[in-house]
Structures are given as structure tokens and as C-alpha cells.
């Protein structure tokens, strides 16, 4: 096959073993050297770059399958011996879940379709590419009597795992094996640098003729992957190029497409898969939470960071999660439910302002920007790759506002009214109420719908303008509050939730999610 070194080719689509696969030629570089023509291979959970090479084929009758293909294998669990396999690896080691042992004459061995070195991608349709080792073990144990595994062979790991079998390493000693596996020179040079070794654990057939074959160079998992067109850490957009980074540390390098239509198509296909997989992971996490505590959104953003008083010269990827009453920023995506407690930043949604930055207000060349400001904290300047992603965050934010305010119910702030101490309560059901004295007697009360405007001095003084239902007259209430910003942000959240909750289309979208 002749490869055009200058042009990206149109994307082709085929279905193999019920898996939709899209392929096309692209040029790939490390951002410094001349791009190399490679084939981009896209499945639902992986983006793989392949090089056409001359190889001597293996005797494939009893050997492992091509590492470029994903397979679905059905296993019937046995009463004695279970699935008949052991696994190593896990997200905590930045390794895939690898089959490290297959027990003779047990369930996995009987299929004849599983091999040491197979990476398990899905169990009964649920992705485990982001799972730590112990979580993967539990998923396999509780997968039922008929288990369907989606697997992909990694020959780079096979020789090492077979050496471990010869040494009879205990199956429980996963940490030691993973450390040794990552330290193994053959595996480290191939997997840790994003290149799949083409060595094989079985002898070559002496009679085989050399042939051209697509060999994997790098495979990047799309679960919670980071896709960007920007030069890393800057506001500079790459012309006709993008990069995909996996949560396991692998990267595609810089993928170049001179044809803008093909570039846009690849970006949409890859982003759609990332969003779909991340949504599935979000649904798995949400099985552990009550309705008011569930995750509304998960995805990558970039945060502008000030260096040496020069604004927005540096950007850092952050993983944004909206969950229950909280908005959280992470340096890396949480790999399990326990990881949700390790956020870099946590703000209460009802005390945080979300504002889309107009195109005329952006501070540099980054587009699709927004601000998050929580009471008592400096605002955070964030951006995403596309307008569609910004709209997803905005819609999710509105949903999170409603969820958090309804769960909160009411909140009271200490205020001063005409020199008297009191408490201003925001109540989801009744609206505004001012109470004074030891017995907390209600001095005045208004519904949210009666508020016609407000003004403040930016420090502590606040004026609320209400309209009387009967006289239609405007009544102004003057207050002082030492935490004015918290009061204003919370008031804004309650009003936003009220507006959203009376919008039938918005209510319908909330119920569907």
C-alpha cells in the first residue's frame, strides 16, 4: 500500500466483531521533528496509531491474536475455579488490567480465545480501563455466571508475564509484579514511551514469507482522555493539529491533518467517544450516591495561571466535576469513588458564581472561557476546547444550582437592620424573611418573585427593592452584612434555581438526567 506522506486520507468505517472501527492516514510528530505518516485507528474506547512494517508472520494457529484487534470472549464461570484466570496491573500503577495467568482446563482456558498478555477493556459491557487492580478483581468476581470480556492483546507484556509464571510469583503480589514490569527494559521502552513492542513470545515460522502489516505504535485509552488543539500550557492554537492524552500517561503525539474537514471529523468522533465513555463512568460512580448527591458533569478544562505578575501566560489542565452541592477541580481524574475526596479545590455551588466570558472580554487567544468565583476566593479563569463543551458545562451548572438549592432548603445570614441585629433567611419555599430579637420574630417577608432589584456598595451595605402585591409600590430594605459576597452569591443561586425550576423545558431535561 502506497502511503501519501503529505495528505490525510478520508476516514473509512467498518464493523469487526460488532465493534465499529474508523481508520485513516494522518501525519504524527512529537511537536519538534518532521511528521511521520501513520494510520489512525479509532474504536469506542481506544485511539491507536499504526505503522506499516514488513514482518515475518507468526504461526498463528495456537498463538495470541493480532494486538491491533479487540475481541469479545464469552466465559462460563465454573463452580470450582471461577473464571480460571489471574490479573495484574491497574490504574494505580498506570498499567492496563492484564491477564497474567490462565489455569489449565478451567473456564478461560476452555474458551481457547484468551491469552497471557491480554488486556481486559470491558466486563459485560462496562469499561474497566480506569479501574485500580482491586476494583477490577471485584468486578470480575461479581460479573455473574456468563461473563463477556472485551480484550486486546499486548505482546510487549507477554514475555515478562511468562517469566513471572516460570518464577511462580504469587498472584496476590500485584504491586511487586507491576513495579518489576514497569522496570523491565523491554516493556518500559515499548509501553511507558507509548510504543507497543513488536516482539513475540512464540518462535517465528521458518517457512513464513515476509509481509506488510499494520503494527501498533501507541494506543491511548479514551476514558476521561484529554483532547486538545492548543500547544500544551499555552493559549496558542496548533494549525491543523491536535493531541490526545490518556489518563494512563500515554499520548498520541501531535496528529496533523492538512484537510480541515478531516481534522474536524476526527476531533468530533474522538470527542464524542470521550464524552460517551466519561458519561458511562459517571453513571457507574452515581450508583453509589443518592439523587441529591450525584455527579452532573465530569470533563477537562484548562485554568489560566498567573506567573510573575504576567497574566494568563500559562494554562494547566484541570478535571472539573459538578457533584451534588459542590464543584470540584482535580489535577487528574479520580479513578474510583474514593478518589472524589482528593480534589485540589472544592466550592459550594450555591456560594459560587459561574459566568461565561464574552469573546470581547477574553484575556488572550483562548476561546470558550468562563469564570468561577466562590465567596472569599479569587476568581478562577477557565477555558474548554469547544462551544459545545461550554454549553454542556453551563447546562450542568444550572442543573447543579437547582439540586444544591433544593437540598440546602434555607440559609440564614447575620445582618444589621436599622441598627438592630437580625437574621436574613433565604428559604426555597417562602422566599426572603428578616427576623430580629431573641424570639426571632419576623419583621418582614417577601417572595422571591417580589424582588425587583438590588444594589450594594461592594463592602457590607445592601439594598433590596421589593414590590408590594396590593399597592404595587416599591419598598426598599437596607441591610448590612459582614459576609456580603457570600450573601449575594447565595441569593443569586436561589433566584437562578427559581427561574430554572419554573421553566418546563429545563425541568424536563433535569428529570431525563
Protein backbone atom coordinates (compact mmCIF):
# COMPACT_ATOMS: atom_id res chain seq x y z
CA UNK A 1 0.00 0.00 0.00
CA UNK A 2 1.41 3.37 -1.00
CA UNK A 3 1.22 5.98 1.76
CA UNK A 4 0.71 9.61 0.84
CA UNK A 5 3.13 11.46 3.10
CA UNK A 6 1.51 14.86 2.59
CA UNK A 7 -2.21 14.30 2.64
CA UNK A 8 -4.55 12.96 5.31
CA UNK A 9 -6.92 10.41 3.80
CA UNK A 10 -10.71 10.31 4.21
CA UNK A 11 -11.98 8.39 7.23
CA UNK A 12 -13.15 4.85 6.48
CA UNK A 13 -15.59 2.95 8.67
CA UNK A 14 -16.06 -0.79 9.16
CA UNK A 15 -17.57 -3.17 11.71
CA UNK A 16 -15.42 -6.02 13.07
CA UNK A 17 -16.84 -8.42 15.70
CA UNK A 18 -19.62 -5.92 16.49
CA UNK A 19 -17.02 -3.18 17.07
CA UNK A 20 -17.21 -0.04 14.93
CA UNK A 21 -13.70 0.89 13.72
CA UNK A 22 -12.73 4.07 11.87
CA UNK A 23 -9.38 4.42 10.12
CA UNK A 24 -7.49 6.99 8.07
CA UNK A 25 -3.98 8.19 7.32
CA UNK A 26 -2.59 11.13 9.32
CA UNK A 27 0.84 12.63 9.97
CA UNK A 28 2.22 12.45 13.53
CA UNK A 29 5.10 14.25 15.21
CA UNK A 30 6.45 14.97 18.68
CA UNK A 31 5.99 18.69 18.05
CA UNK A 32 9.65 19.16 17.08
CA UNK A 33 10.62 16.66 14.39
CA UNK A 34 9.20 16.14 10.90
CA UNK A 35 5.78 14.40 10.98
CA UNK A 36 5.64 10.71 10.11
CA UNK A 37 2.72 9.15 8.17
CA UNK A 38 0.76 6.73 10.39
CA UNK A 39 -2.67 5.15 10.31
CA UNK A 40 -5.15 6.36 12.93
CA UNK A 41 -7.41 3.57 14.17
CA UNK A 42 -10.39 4.64 16.32
CA UNK A 43 -12.68 2.37 18.34
CA UNK A 44 -15.12 3.33 21.08
CA UNK A 45 -12.52 3.06 23.83
CA UNK A 46 -9.13 3.44 22.10
CA UNK A 47 -7.32 5.65 19.61
CA UNK A 48 -4.40 3.71 18.12
CA UNK A 49 -1.66 4.86 15.77
CA UNK A 50 -0.18 2.21 13.50
CA UNK A 51 2.86 1.96 11.22
CA UNK A 52 3.03 -0.21 8.09
CA UNK A 53 6.00 -2.55 8.53
CA UNK A 54 7.47 -5.62 6.90
CA UNK A 55 7.23 -8.51 9.36
CA UNK A 56 7.58 -12.25 9.37
CA UNK A 57 4.19 -13.64 10.47
CA UNK A 58 3.91 -15.91 13.49
CA UNK A 59 2.48 -19.37 13.38
CA UNK A 60 -0.96 -18.16 14.43
CA UNK A 61 -2.70 -21.49 14.88
CA UNK A 62 -2.18 -21.57 18.63
CA UNK A 63 -0.59 -18.16 19.25
CA UNK A 64 -2.12 -14.97 20.56
CA UNK A 65 -4.10 -12.77 18.13
CA UNK A 66 -3.00 -9.56 16.49
CA UNK A 67 -2.53 -6.88 19.12
CA UNK A 68 -4.31 -4.30 16.94
CA UNK A 69 -7.68 -6.04 17.30
CA UNK A 70 -10.16 -6.06 20.12
CA UNK A 71 -12.09 -9.28 20.74
CA UNK A 72 -15.18 -10.22 22.67
CA UNK A 73 -14.87 -13.53 24.52
CA UNK A 74 -17.65 -15.24 26.48
CA UNK A 75 -16.69 -17.30 29.55
CA UNK A 76 -18.94 -19.60 31.56
CA UNK A 77 -17.90 -19.44 35.20
CA UNK A 78 -17.18 -22.81 36.84
CA UNK A 79 -18.25 -23.69 40.37
CA UNK A 80 -14.67 -24.74 41.11
CA UNK A 81 -12.06 -22.29 39.88
CA UNK A 82 -14.38 -19.47 38.80
CA UNK A 83 -13.16 -17.82 35.59
CA UNK A 84 -9.83 -19.65 35.75
CA UNK A 85 -7.58 -16.64 35.30
CA UNK A 86 -5.50 -14.15 37.30
CA UNK A 87 -4.84 -10.49 36.58
CA UNK A 88 -2.07 -7.96 37.20
CA UNK A 89 -1.77 -4.20 36.68
CA UNK A 90 -4.31 -1.49 37.39
CA UNK A 91 -4.77 2.26 37.09
CA UNK A 92 -2.84 2.95 40.30
CA UNK A 93 0.25 1.56 38.51
CA UNK A 94 -0.57 3.28 35.19
CA UNK A 95 -0.88 -0.17 33.63
CA UNK A 96 -3.83 -1.92 31.93
CA UNK A 97 -5.60 -4.82 33.61
CA UNK A 98 -3.56 -7.71 32.15
CA UNK A 99 -4.31 -11.43 32.22
CA UNK A 100 -1.23 -12.81 33.97
CA UNK A 101 -2.19 -16.48 34.30
CA UNK A 102 -4.65 -18.88 32.66
CA UNK A 103 -5.27 -22.12 34.55
CA UNK A 104 -5.25 -25.31 32.51
CA UNK A 105 -8.64 -26.92 31.78
CA UNK A 106 -10.52 -24.15 33.61
CA UNK A 107 -13.06 -21.67 32.19
CA UNK A 108 -10.71 -19.19 30.47
CA UNK A 109 -8.55 -21.99 29.05
CA UNK A 110 -11.58 -23.85 27.68
CA UNK A 111 -12.56 -20.87 25.50
CA UNK A 112 -9.27 -21.11 23.62
CA UNK A 113 -9.59 -17.38 22.93
CA UNK A 114 -7.79 -15.82 25.91
CA UNK A 115 -4.03 -15.43 26.33
CA UNK A 116 -1.49 -14.26 28.89
CA UNK A 117 -0.87 -10.62 27.95
CA UNK A 118 -4.49 -9.87 27.04
CA UNK A 119 -5.65 -6.52 28.48
CA UNK A 120 -9.25 -6.56 29.73
CA UNK A 121 -11.06 -3.44 28.46
CA UNK A 122 -14.68 -4.24 29.35
CA UNK A 123 -16.53 -6.69 31.58
CA UNK A 124 -20.12 -7.31 30.45
CA UNK A 125 -20.02 -4.03 28.55
CA UNK A 126 -18.68 -1.94 31.47
CA UNK A 127 -15.30 -0.29 30.97
CA UNK A 128 -12.58 -1.07 33.50
CA UNK A 129 -9.71 0.77 31.78
CA UNK A 130 -9.67 3.34 34.62
CA UNK A 131 -10.06 0.80 37.44
CA UNK A 132 -7.47 0.09 40.14
CA UNK A 133 -6.47 -3.57 40.50
CA UNK A 134 -8.71 -4.38 43.49
CA UNK A 135 -11.78 -2.82 41.85
CA UNK A 136 -11.16 -4.90 38.70
CA UNK A 137 -10.91 -8.09 40.82
CA UNK A 138 -14.26 -7.29 42.49
CA UNK A 139 -15.95 -6.53 39.15
CA UNK A 140 -14.78 -9.87 37.73
CA UNK A 141 -15.87 -11.77 40.86
CA UNK A 142 -19.37 -10.25 40.74
CA UNK A 143 -19.90 -10.37 36.98
CA UNK A 144 -22.28 -13.36 37.04
CA UNK A 145 -22.08 -16.87 35.59
CA UNK A 146 -21.88 -15.79 31.95
CA UNK A 147 -19.14 -13.19 31.54
CA UNK A 148 -18.35 -11.34 28.31
CA UNK A 149 -14.84 -9.85 28.22
CA UNK A 150 -13.66 -7.30 25.66
CA UNK A 151 -9.90 -7.79 25.41
CA UNK A 152 -6.93 -6.61 23.36
CA UNK A 153 -3.57 -8.37 23.26
CA UNK A 154 -0.37 -6.57 24.34
CA UNK A 155 2.55 -8.68 23.20
CA UNK A 156 5.01 -6.29 24.84
CA UNK A 157 3.93 -7.57 28.26
CA UNK A 158 3.70 -11.25 27.36
CA UNK A 159 7.37 -12.31 27.71
CA UNK A 160 7.64 -10.68 31.14
CA UNK A 161 4.40 -12.24 32.41
CA UNK A 162 5.54 -15.66 31.18
CA UNK A 163 8.81 -15.20 33.08
CA UNK A 164 6.73 -14.42 36.18
CA UNK A 165 4.82 -17.67 35.66
CA UNK A 166 8.11 -19.56 35.49
CA UNK A 167 9.19 -17.92 38.77
CA UNK A 168 5.77 -18.80 40.25
CA UNK A 169 5.22 -15.27 41.61
CA UNK A 170 2.23 -15.23 43.99
CA UNK A 171 -0.91 -13.90 42.27
CA UNK A 172 -1.64 -11.61 45.20
CA UNK A 173 1.68 -9.77 44.88
CA UNK A 174 0.40 -7.27 42.32
CA UNK A 175 2.47 -4.27 43.50
CA UNK A 176 5.76 -6.15 43.19
CA UNK A 177 4.91 -7.55 39.76
CA UNK A 178 3.79 -4.13 38.45
CA UNK A 179 6.96 -2.48 39.72
CA UNK A 180 9.10 -5.17 38.08
CA UNK A 181 7.04 -5.00 34.91
CA UNK A 182 7.49 -1.22 34.61
CA UNK A 183 11.22 -1.62 35.36
CA UNK A 184 11.64 -4.33 32.71
CA UNK A 185 13.67 -2.71 29.90
CA UNK A 186 11.81 -4.36 27.03
CA UNK A 187 8.41 -3.43 28.38
CA UNK A 188 9.39 0.02 29.64
CA UNK A 189 10.80 1.14 26.30
CA UNK A 190 7.69 -0.01 24.49
CA UNK A 191 4.72 0.74 26.74
CA UNK A 192 5.87 3.58 29.01
CA UNK A 193 7.02 5.58 25.99
CA UNK A 194 3.76 4.86 24.25
CA UNK A 195 5.19 2.33 21.77
CA UNK A 196 3.96 -1.23 21.59
CA UNK A 197 6.80 -3.70 21.15
CA UNK A 198 6.57 -5.96 18.16
CA UNK A 199 8.48 -8.84 19.74
CA UNK A 200 6.53 -12.07 20.06
CA UNK A 201 6.56 -14.67 22.79
CA UNK A 202 6.41 -17.51 20.26
CA UNK A 203 9.10 -18.52 17.71
CA UNK A 204 8.77 -17.25 14.14
CA UNK A 205 7.85 -19.76 11.49
CA UNK A 206 10.92 -20.51 9.39
CA UNK A 207 8.75 -21.12 6.33
CA UNK A 208 6.80 -17.87 6.60
CA UNK A 209 7.27 -15.21 3.92
CA UNK A 210 7.73 -11.56 5.00
CA UNK A 211 4.60 -9.46 4.59
CA UNK A 212 3.43 -5.88 5.16
CA UNK A 213 1.36 -5.45 8.29
CA UNK A 214 -0.05 -2.58 10.35
CA UNK A 215 1.71 -2.63 13.73
CA UNK A 216 0.64 -0.60 16.76
CA UNK A 217 2.89 2.33 17.67
CA UNK A 218 0.79 3.68 20.54
CA UNK A 219 -2.70 3.04 21.93
CA UNK A 220 -4.36 5.72 24.08
CA UNK A 221 -7.47 4.87 26.18
CA UNK A 222 -10.30 7.37 25.65
CA UNK A 223 -11.94 7.00 29.06
CA UNK A 224 -11.59 10.52 30.59
CA UNK A 225 -8.93 11.33 27.98
CA UNK A 226 -7.70 14.88 27.38
CA UNK A 227 -8.09 16.13 23.78
CA UNK A 228 -6.57 19.49 22.84
CA UNK A 229 -5.68 21.61 19.82
CA UNK A 230 -3.58 24.01 21.90
CA UNK A 231 0.17 23.84 22.43
CA UNK A 232 0.35 22.38 25.92
CA UNK A 233 0.15 25.02 28.65
CA UNK A 234 -0.37 27.97 26.31
CA UNK A 235 -3.11 29.89 24.50
CA UNK A 236 -1.55 29.08 21.11
CA UNK A 237 -3.76 27.03 18.80
CA UNK A 238 -1.97 24.42 16.69
CA UNK A 239 -2.69 24.88 12.98
CA UNK A 240 -4.45 21.77 11.63
CA UNK A 241 -3.34 19.54 14.52
CA UNK A 242 -4.41 18.04 17.85
CA UNK A 243 -3.22 15.73 20.63
CA UNK A 244 -4.90 13.03 22.74
CA UNK A 245 -3.55 12.24 26.23
CA UNK A 246 -4.75 9.19 28.17
CA UNK A 247 -5.19 9.04 31.93
CA UNK A 248 -2.51 6.31 31.96
CA UNK A 249 0.10 8.83 30.79
CA UNK A 250 0.21 7.81 27.11
CA UNK A 251 -0.02 10.36 24.30
CA UNK A 252 -0.69 10.15 20.58
CA UNK A 253 1.86 12.87 19.90
CA UNK A 254 0.78 15.71 17.62
CA UNK A 255 -1.65 14.47 14.95
CA UNK A 256 -1.58 16.65 11.81
CA UNK A 257 -4.39 16.86 9.23
CA UNK A 258 -3.89 19.33 6.39
CA UNK A 259 -7.55 18.94 5.38
CA UNK A 260 -9.70 20.97 7.81
CA UNK A 261 -12.80 18.87 7.11
CA UNK A 262 -10.96 15.65 8.02
CA UNK A 263 -9.44 17.34 11.09
CA UNK A 264 -12.89 18.45 12.29
CA UNK A 265 -14.32 15.00 11.65
CA UNK A 266 -11.58 13.25 13.65
CA UNK A 267 -11.98 15.72 16.52
CA UNK A 268 -15.74 15.22 16.64
CA UNK A 269 -15.51 11.42 16.50
CA UNK A 270 -12.83 11.26 19.20
CA UNK A 271 -14.55 13.83 21.45
CA UNK A 272 -17.90 12.04 21.07
CA UNK A 273 -16.27 8.81 22.25
CA UNK A 274 -14.55 10.54 25.18
CA UNK A 275 -17.83 12.18 26.25
CA UNK A 276 -19.73 8.89 25.88
CA UNK A 277 -17.20 6.90 27.90
CA UNK A 278 -16.92 9.58 30.58
CA UNK A 279 -20.71 9.68 30.87
CA UNK A 280 -20.76 5.90 31.35
CA UNK A 281 -18.11 6.21 34.08
CA UNK A 282 -20.18 8.97 35.69
CA UNK A 283 -23.23 6.68 35.75
CA UNK A 284 -21.14 3.96 37.42
CA UNK A 285 -20.00 6.42 40.11
CA UNK A 286 -23.58 7.63 40.61
CA UNK A 287 -24.71 4.15 41.64
CA UNK A 288 -23.08 4.96 44.98
CA UNK A 289 -24.93 8.24 45.60
CA UNK A 290 -28.44 9.41 46.46
CA UNK A 291 -30.27 11.65 43.98
CA UNK A 292 -29.16 14.96 45.51
CA UNK A 293 -25.52 13.84 45.72
CA UNK A 294 -24.98 12.63 42.17
CA UNK A 295 -22.47 13.87 39.61
CA UNK A 296 -23.94 16.22 36.98
CA UNK A 297 -20.77 16.76 34.94
CA UNK A 298 -17.21 15.44 34.50
CA UNK A 299 -14.69 16.73 32.00
CA UNK A 300 -11.43 18.53 31.27
CA UNK A 301 -10.96 22.30 31.44
CA UNK A 302 -7.85 24.50 31.39
CA UNK A 303 -7.12 27.03 34.12
CA UNK A 304 -5.23 30.23 33.50
CA UNK A 305 -2.34 30.58 35.96
CA UNK A 306 -0.55 33.84 36.79
CA UNK A 307 3.26 33.69 36.66
CA UNK A 308 5.48 36.60 37.79
CA UNK A 309 2.62 39.05 37.53
CA UNK A 310 2.21 38.33 33.80
CA UNK A 311 -1.43 37.33 33.40
CA UNK A 312 -2.53 34.14 31.68
CA UNK A 313 0.77 33.09 30.15
CA UNK A 314 0.34 29.56 31.41
CA UNK A 315 -2.54 27.08 31.43
CA UNK A 316 -2.91 23.90 33.45
CA UNK A 317 -5.35 21.07 32.67
CA UNK A 318 -7.91 20.53 35.42
CA UNK A 319 -10.60 17.88 35.69
CA UNK A 320 -13.91 19.55 36.61
CA UNK A 321 -16.67 17.70 38.47
CA UNK A 322 -20.10 19.02 39.49
CA UNK A 323 -21.44 16.75 42.22
CA UNK A 324 -24.42 17.42 44.47
CA UNK A 325 -23.86 20.78 46.16
CA UNK A 326 -20.15 21.00 45.21
CA UNK A 327 -17.96 21.99 42.29
CA UNK A 328 -14.52 20.35 42.36
CA UNK A 329 -11.27 20.73 40.43
CA UNK A 330 -8.74 17.87 40.23
CA UNK A 331 -5.21 17.68 38.83
CA UNK A 332 -6.03 14.20 37.47
CA UNK A 333 -9.38 12.40 37.09
CA UNK A 334 -10.49 10.32 40.10
CA UNK A 335 -10.10 6.63 39.24
CA UNK A 336 -12.75 5.46 41.71
CA UNK A 337 -15.35 6.79 44.16
CA UNK A 338 -12.72 7.20 46.89
CA UNK A 339 -10.75 9.47 44.57
CA UNK A 340 -13.58 12.03 44.67
CA UNK A 341 -12.34 13.06 48.12
CA UNK A 342 -8.95 14.16 46.76
CA UNK A 343 -9.94 17.35 44.92
CA UNK A 344 -7.50 20.22 44.55
CA UNK A 345 -10.34 22.74 45.06
CA UNK A 346 -13.87 22.31 46.44
CA UNK A 347 -16.51 25.07 46.40
CA UNK A 348 -20.19 25.04 47.32
CA UNK A 349 -22.24 25.57 44.16
CA UNK A 350 -24.75 27.84 45.95
CA UNK A 351 -21.91 30.13 47.08
CA UNK A 352 -20.14 30.25 43.71
CA UNK A 353 -20.78 32.42 40.66
CA UNK A 354 -20.50 30.94 37.16
CA UNK A 355 -20.14 33.40 34.28
CA UNK A 356 -19.39 32.80 30.61
CA UNK A 357 -16.72 35.24 29.40
CA UNK A 358 -17.77 37.15 26.28
CA UNK A 359 -15.48 36.85 23.28
CA UNK A 360 -14.62 40.56 23.58
CA UNK A 361 -13.57 40.05 27.23
CA UNK A 362 -11.14 37.14 26.86
CA UNK A 363 -7.65 37.94 28.14
CA UNK A 364 -5.73 36.11 25.39
CA UNK A 365 -6.25 33.83 22.39
CA UNK A 366 -8.04 31.08 24.33
CA UNK A 367 -11.70 30.80 23.37
CA UNK A 368 -14.75 29.37 25.18
CA UNK A 369 -13.82 30.76 28.59
CA UNK A 370 -15.73 31.10 31.86
CA UNK A 371 -15.18 32.33 35.40
CA UNK A 372 -15.79 30.54 38.68
CA UNK A 373 -15.75 32.73 41.77
CA UNK A 374 -16.56 31.47 45.23
CA UNK A 375 -17.15 33.84 48.13
CA UNK A 376 -13.86 34.75 49.82
CA UNK A 377 -11.70 33.37 46.99
CA UNK A 378 -10.04 34.80 43.90
CA UNK A 379 -11.90 34.07 40.65
CA UNK A 380 -10.68 31.16 38.54
CA UNK A 381 -10.36 31.74 34.79
CA UNK A 382 -11.10 28.55 32.87
CA UNK A 383 -11.49 27.51 29.24
CA UNK A 384 -12.64 24.50 27.23
CA UNK A 385 -11.91 23.35 23.67
CA UNK A 386 -15.33 23.82 22.04
CA UNK A 387 -18.50 25.87 22.34
CA UNK A 388 -20.47 22.63 22.68
CA UNK A 389 -18.45 21.69 25.78
CA UNK A 390 -19.01 25.16 27.27
CA UNK A 391 -22.77 24.76 26.74
CA UNK A 392 -22.65 21.32 28.41
CA UNK A 393 -20.95 22.85 31.46
CA UNK A 394 -23.41 25.77 31.57
CA UNK A 395 -26.43 23.44 31.40
CA UNK A 396 -24.92 21.15 34.02
CA UNK A 397 -24.22 24.16 36.24
CA UNK A 398 -27.87 25.24 36.11
CA UNK A 399 -28.93 21.70 36.99
CA UNK A 400 -26.43 21.65 39.89
CA UNK A 401 -27.76 25.02 41.15
CA UNK A 402 -31.30 23.62 41.36
CA UNK A 403 -30.08 20.41 43.03
CA UNK A 404 -27.92 22.24 45.58
CA UNK A 405 -30.52 24.88 46.50
CA UNK A 406 -33.32 22.33 46.92
CA UNK A 407 -31.03 20.17 49.08
CA UNK A 408 -29.93 23.22 51.11
CA UNK A 409 -33.53 24.37 51.58
CA UNK A 410 -32.79 27.52 53.52
CA UNK A 411 -29.82 29.57 54.67
CA UNK A 412 -29.63 32.42 57.21
CA UNK A 413 -27.11 35.28 57.24
CA UNK A 414 -26.36 37.56 60.19
CA UNK A 415 -27.34 41.13 59.22
CA UNK A 416 -27.99 44.51 60.75
CA UNK A 417 -31.28 46.34 60.02
CA UNK A 418 -31.72 49.93 61.23
CA UNK A 419 -29.01 49.30 63.80
CA UNK A 420 -30.61 46.12 65.13
CA UNK A 421 -29.04 42.67 64.80
CA UNK A 422 -31.08 40.10 62.96
CA UNK A 423 -31.01 37.22 60.52
CA UNK A 424 -31.93 37.33 56.82
CA UNK A 425 -33.18 33.91 55.73
CA UNK A 426 -33.38 32.70 52.14
CA UNK A 427 -35.97 29.91 52.04
CA UNK A 428 -36.64 27.83 48.93
CA UNK A 429 -40.36 27.64 49.73
CA UNK A 430 -41.19 31.07 51.20
CA UNK A 431 -38.53 33.50 49.91
CA UNK A 432 -36.90 36.34 51.94
CA UNK A 433 -37.55 36.83 55.66
CA UNK A 434 -35.94 39.14 58.22
CA UNK A 435 -36.11 38.07 61.88
CA UNK A 436 -34.99 40.12 64.88
CA UNK A 437 -34.78 39.75 68.65
CA UNK A 438 -34.28 36.85 70.99
CA UNK A 439 -37.51 35.24 69.84
CA UNK A 440 -36.57 35.67 66.13
CA UNK A 441 -39.79 37.49 65.36
CA UNK A 442 -40.44 38.05 61.64
CA UNK A 443 -40.10 41.78 60.81
CA UNK A 444 -40.84 41.46 57.08
CA UNK A 445 -41.19 38.73 54.50
CA UNK A 446 -41.33 38.68 50.67
CA UNK A 447 -41.49 36.05 47.96
CA UNK A 448 -38.60 35.73 45.52
CA UNK A 449 -40.94 36.91 42.74
CA UNK A 450 -41.42 40.23 44.55
CA UNK A 451 -37.75 41.22 44.27
CA UNK A 452 -37.40 43.95 41.63
CA UNK A 453 -33.73 44.78 42.07
CA UNK A 454 -30.81 45.20 44.43
CA UNK A 455 -27.72 47.36 44.90
CA UNK A 456 -24.67 47.24 47.17
CA UNK A 457 -21.51 49.18 47.97
CA UNK A 458 -19.21 46.19 47.43
CA UNK A 459 -18.32 46.09 51.13
CA UNK A 460 -21.18 45.46 53.57
CA UNK A 461 -24.23 47.56 52.67
CA UNK A 462 -27.11 46.09 50.64
CA UNK A 463 -30.43 47.47 49.38
CA UNK A 464 -33.23 45.12 48.35
CA UNK A 465 -36.15 46.54 46.34
CA UNK A 466 -39.43 44.61 46.68
CA UNK A 467 -42.83 45.29 45.10
CA UNK A 468 -45.93 45.10 47.29
CA UNK A 469 -48.55 42.78 45.76
CA UNK A 470 -51.50 45.02 46.61
CA UNK A 471 -50.25 48.60 46.29
CA UNK A 472 -47.63 47.80 43.58
CA UNK A 473 -45.37 50.23 45.43
CA UNK A 474 -41.62 49.57 45.62
CA UNK A 475 -40.38 49.04 49.19
CA UNK A 476 -36.62 49.30 49.81
CA UNK A 477 -34.98 47.40 52.66
CA UNK A 478 -31.50 48.43 53.76
CA UNK A 479 -29.21 45.87 55.40
CA UNK A 480 -25.60 45.47 56.44
CA UNK A 481 -23.81 42.12 56.24
CA UNK A 482 -20.16 41.38 57.03
CA UNK A 483 -20.13 38.48 54.54
CA UNK A 484 -21.85 40.43 51.78
CA UNK A 485 -20.30 38.47 48.91
CA UNK A 486 -21.50 35.14 50.38
CA UNK A 487 -25.00 36.57 50.78
CA UNK A 488 -25.08 37.93 47.22
CA UNK A 489 -23.81 34.69 45.66
CA UNK A 490 -26.28 32.61 47.67
CA UNK A 491 -29.14 34.97 46.78
CA UNK A 492 -28.17 34.67 43.11
CA UNK A 493 -28.21 30.86 43.40
CA UNK A 494 -31.71 30.81 44.93
CA UNK A 495 -33.06 33.19 42.27
CA UNK A 496 -31.39 31.23 39.45
CA UNK A 497 -32.86 27.98 40.79
CA UNK A 498 -36.32 29.55 41.00
CA UNK A 499 -36.15 30.74 37.39
CA UNK A 500 -34.85 27.37 36.19
CA UNK A 501 -37.46 25.42 38.16
CA UNK A 502 -40.41 27.18 36.50
CA UNK A 503 -39.04 26.54 33.00
CA UNK A 504 -40.85 23.36 31.77
CA UNK A 505 -38.13 22.57 29.23
CA UNK A 506 -35.45 22.82 31.92
CA UNK A 507 -37.46 20.70 34.36
CA UNK A 508 -37.92 18.07 31.63
CA UNK A 509 -34.16 17.94 30.97
CA UNK A 510 -33.46 17.54 34.70
CA UNK A 511 -35.90 14.64 35.00
CA UNK A 512 -34.37 12.88 31.98
CA UNK A 513 -30.88 13.00 33.51
